[in-house]
């Protein structure tokens, strides 16, 4: 294929999973199911590449035969959990959260702490759809902000994220 011609193949969707670097077994189970669902939908999983929710989601994606990308905060590929196929070393610490968001067609937030909150804020400002399971609820002047799509199950979260990602890609991101 000539280098300047656009491929007729559609690019794979990239769905980001965000959440804490350590988590309870229950949250880990949910994140693993999310990862399995992402791979089952034929999408690539993007995450921060470390432990907790990120590792559980990557483990699920690998279990389902999918691919994983870890965007690492430090200076070494050795930081990545063992389920990461492609690691991107940034040396950016928390600033790498911008890269996680910008590399994703949609995000699924599984619970999470302040790092997750920062990724949600970046996504909402950047037009990247966010689906949340047990994650932050945002209010402004006492009124709930509805931009985060809510899901009760991992299956619902994946379905909503894939639909939102497809819509975003159709509209030219």
Protein backbone atom coordinates (compact mmCIF):
# COMPACT_ATOMS: atom_id res chain seq x y z
CA UNK A 1 0.00 0.00 0.00
CA UNK A 2 1.30 3.47 -0.80
CA UNK A 3 2.32 5.45 2.23
CA UNK A 4 0.07 8.47 1.51
CA UNK A 5 -3.10 6.53 0.74
CA UNK A 6 -5.54 6.09 3.59
CA UNK A 7 -6.05 2.46 4.52
CA UNK A 8 -9.46 0.99 3.84
CA UNK A 9 -9.18 -0.86 7.13
CA UNK A 10 -10.82 0.77 10.12
CA UNK A 11 -8.44 1.45 13.00
CA UNK A 12 -9.03 -0.56 16.15
CA UNK A 13 -10.88 1.24 18.88
CA UNK A 14 -8.76 2.08 21.90
CA UNK A 15 -10.67 2.02 25.18
CA UNK A 16 -8.91 3.37 28.26
CA UNK A 17 -9.43 1.92 31.72
CA UNK A 18 -8.62 4.21 34.61
CA UNK A 19 -8.61 3.54 38.33
CA UNK A 20 -6.39 3.23 41.39
CA UNK A 21 -2.97 1.63 41.46
CA UNK A 22 -4.25 -0.55 44.28
CA UNK A 23 -7.77 -1.81 44.75
CA UNK A 24 -9.95 -4.26 46.62
CA UNK A 25 -10.47 -7.77 45.24
CA UNK A 26 -14.05 -6.81 44.28
CA UNK A 27 -12.93 -3.76 42.30
CA UNK A 28 -10.18 -5.87 40.74
CA UNK A 29 -12.77 -8.42 39.62
CA UNK A 30 -14.86 -5.68 38.00
CA UNK A 31 -11.78 -4.23 36.26
CA UNK A 32 -10.79 -7.68 34.98
CA UNK A 33 -14.29 -8.19 33.55
CA UNK A 34 -14.06 -4.76 31.89
CA UNK A 35 -10.74 -5.76 30.31
CA UNK A 36 -12.22 -9.02 29.05
CA UNK A 37 -15.15 -7.13 27.57
CA UNK A 38 -12.93 -4.61 25.82
CA UNK A 39 -10.90 -7.37 24.19
CA UNK A 40 -14.09 -9.29 23.38
CA UNK A 41 -15.36 -6.22 21.54
CA UNK A 42 -12.21 -6.21 19.41
CA UNK A 43 -10.80 -3.05 20.98
CA UNK A 44 -7.33 -2.39 22.40
CA UNK A 45 -7.08 -1.64 26.12
CA UNK A 46 -5.16 1.49 27.13
CA UNK A 47 -4.18 2.10 30.75
CA UNK A 48 -1.48 3.53 32.97
CA UNK A 49 0.32 0.18 32.93
CA UNK A 50 0.82 -0.23 36.68
CA UNK A 51 -1.00 -2.30 39.34
CA UNK A 52 -4.47 -2.35 40.83
CA UNK A 53 -7.28 -1.55 38.39
CA UNK A 54 -4.80 -1.17 35.54
CA UNK A 55 -3.28 -4.62 36.07
CA UNK A 56 -6.64 -6.31 36.59
CA UNK A 57 -8.07 -4.79 33.41
CA UNK A 58 -4.98 -5.75 31.40
CA UNK A 59 -5.14 -9.28 32.82
CA UNK A 60 -8.76 -9.54 31.66
CA UNK A 61 -7.90 -8.27 28.19
CA UNK A 62 -5.07 -10.79 27.85
CA UNK A 63 -7.33 -13.60 29.11
CA UNK A 64 -9.70 -12.75 26.25
CA UNK A 65 -6.90 -12.64 23.67
CA UNK A 66 -6.71 -8.84 23.39
CA UNK A 67 -3.91 -6.30 23.20
CA UNK A 68 -2.86 -3.87 25.91
CA UNK A 69 -1.01 -0.56 25.97
CA UNK A 70 0.49 0.79 29.18
CA UNK A 71 1.41 4.47 29.34
CA UNK A 72 3.91 4.52 32.17
CA UNK A 73 4.65 7.44 34.50
CA UNK A 74 8.33 6.64 35.06
CA UNK A 75 11.53 6.05 33.17
CA UNK A 76 11.57 2.26 32.76
CA UNK A 77 9.56 -0.34 30.88
CA UNK A 78 10.20 -2.60 33.87
CA UNK A 79 7.46 -0.67 35.74
CA UNK A 80 4.76 -2.18 33.53
CA UNK A 81 2.64 -4.99 34.88
CA UNK A 82 3.14 -8.36 33.20
CA UNK A 83 -0.04 -8.08 31.11
CA UNK A 84 1.09 -5.06 29.11
CA UNK A 85 1.96 -5.77 25.48
CA UNK A 86 3.14 -2.31 24.45
CA UNK A 87 4.64 0.00 27.05
CA UNK A 88 5.18 3.70 26.52
CA UNK A 89 7.72 5.18 28.90
CA UNK A 90 6.98 8.86 29.53
CA UNK A 91 8.99 10.03 32.54
CA UNK A 92 6.05 12.40 33.11
CA UNK A 93 4.73 11.16 36.47
CA UNK A 94 1.06 12.14 36.81
CA UNK A 95 1.23 14.28 33.66
CA UNK A 96 1.08 10.99 31.75
CA UNK A 97 -2.65 11.00 32.56
CA UNK A 98 -3.12 13.37 29.63
CA UNK A 99 -1.58 10.75 27.32
CA UNK A 100 -3.82 7.99 28.68
CA UNK A 101 -6.87 10.13 27.93
CA UNK A 102 -5.70 11.38 24.52
CA UNK A 103 -4.80 7.83 23.44
CA UNK A 104 -8.32 6.58 24.19
CA UNK A 105 -11.48 6.82 22.11
CA UNK A 106 -13.47 6.42 25.34
CA UNK A 107 -12.65 5.77 29.00
CA UNK A 108 -14.05 3.45 31.64
CA UNK A 109 -13.41 4.70 35.18
CA UNK A 110 -13.50 1.89 37.72
CA UNK A 111 -13.78 3.47 41.15
CA UNK A 112 -10.55 5.48 41.58
CA UNK A 113 -8.88 8.21 43.57
CA UNK A 114 -7.54 11.66 42.69
CA UNK A 115 -5.46 10.46 39.74
CA UNK A 116 -8.62 8.97 38.27
CA UNK A 117 -10.45 12.23 38.96
CA UNK A 118 -7.76 14.13 37.04
CA UNK A 119 -8.15 11.78 34.06
CA UNK A 120 -11.94 12.22 34.15
CA UNK A 121 -11.52 16.01 34.14
CA UNK A 122 -9.06 15.90 31.24
CA UNK A 123 -11.40 13.61 29.31
CA UNK A 124 -14.44 15.81 29.86
CA UNK A 125 -12.48 18.88 28.76
CA UNK A 126 -11.17 17.01 25.70
CA UNK A 127 -14.44 15.50 24.55
CA UNK A 128 -13.43 11.92 25.37
CA UNK A 129 -16.51 10.01 26.62
CA UNK A 130 -16.32 8.63 30.16
CA UNK A 131 -18.27 5.68 31.54
CA UNK A 132 -18.06 5.14 35.29
CA UNK A 133 -18.54 2.17 37.58
CA UNK A 134 -18.57 3.25 41.23
CA UNK A 135 -16.46 6.28 40.41
CA UNK A 136 -16.61 9.98 41.13
CA UNK A 137 -19.87 11.91 41.04
CA UNK A 138 -19.35 15.52 40.05
CA UNK A 139 -21.40 18.54 41.06
CA UNK A 140 -21.22 22.18 40.17
CA UNK A 141 -23.07 24.69 42.35
CA UNK A 142 -24.89 21.79 43.96
CA UNK A 143 -26.16 20.42 40.65
CA UNK A 144 -25.01 17.00 39.46
CA UNK A 145 -22.92 17.00 36.27
CA UNK A 146 -24.24 14.29 33.96
CA UNK A 147 -21.32 13.99 31.51
CA UNK A 148 -20.11 10.75 33.10
CA UNK A 149 -22.25 7.90 31.77
CA UNK A 150 -23.08 5.55 34.66
CA UNK A 151 -22.93 1.76 34.49
CA UNK A 152 -23.92 -0.81 37.09
CA UNK A 153 -22.06 -3.75 35.57
CA UNK A 154 -18.85 -4.32 33.64
CA UNK A 155 -20.87 -5.50 30.62
CA UNK A 156 -22.92 -2.30 30.62
CA UNK A 157 -19.78 -0.18 30.99
CA UNK A 158 -18.07 -1.85 28.03
CA UNK A 159 -21.19 -1.59 25.86
CA UNK A 160 -21.59 2.12 26.62
CA UNK A 161 -17.87 2.83 26.12
CA UNK A 162 -17.69 0.97 22.80
CA UNK A 163 -20.83 2.74 21.53
CA UNK A 164 -19.46 6.14 22.60
CA UNK A 165 -16.03 5.38 21.06
CA UNK A 166 -17.59 4.30 17.75
CA UNK A 167 -19.69 7.46 17.67
CA UNK A 168 -16.64 9.60 18.43
CA UNK A 169 -14.59 7.92 15.68
CA UNK A 170 -17.48 8.28 13.19
CA UNK A 171 -17.59 11.99 13.96
CA UNK A 172 -13.87 12.39 13.33
CA UNK A 173 -12.77 12.33 16.96
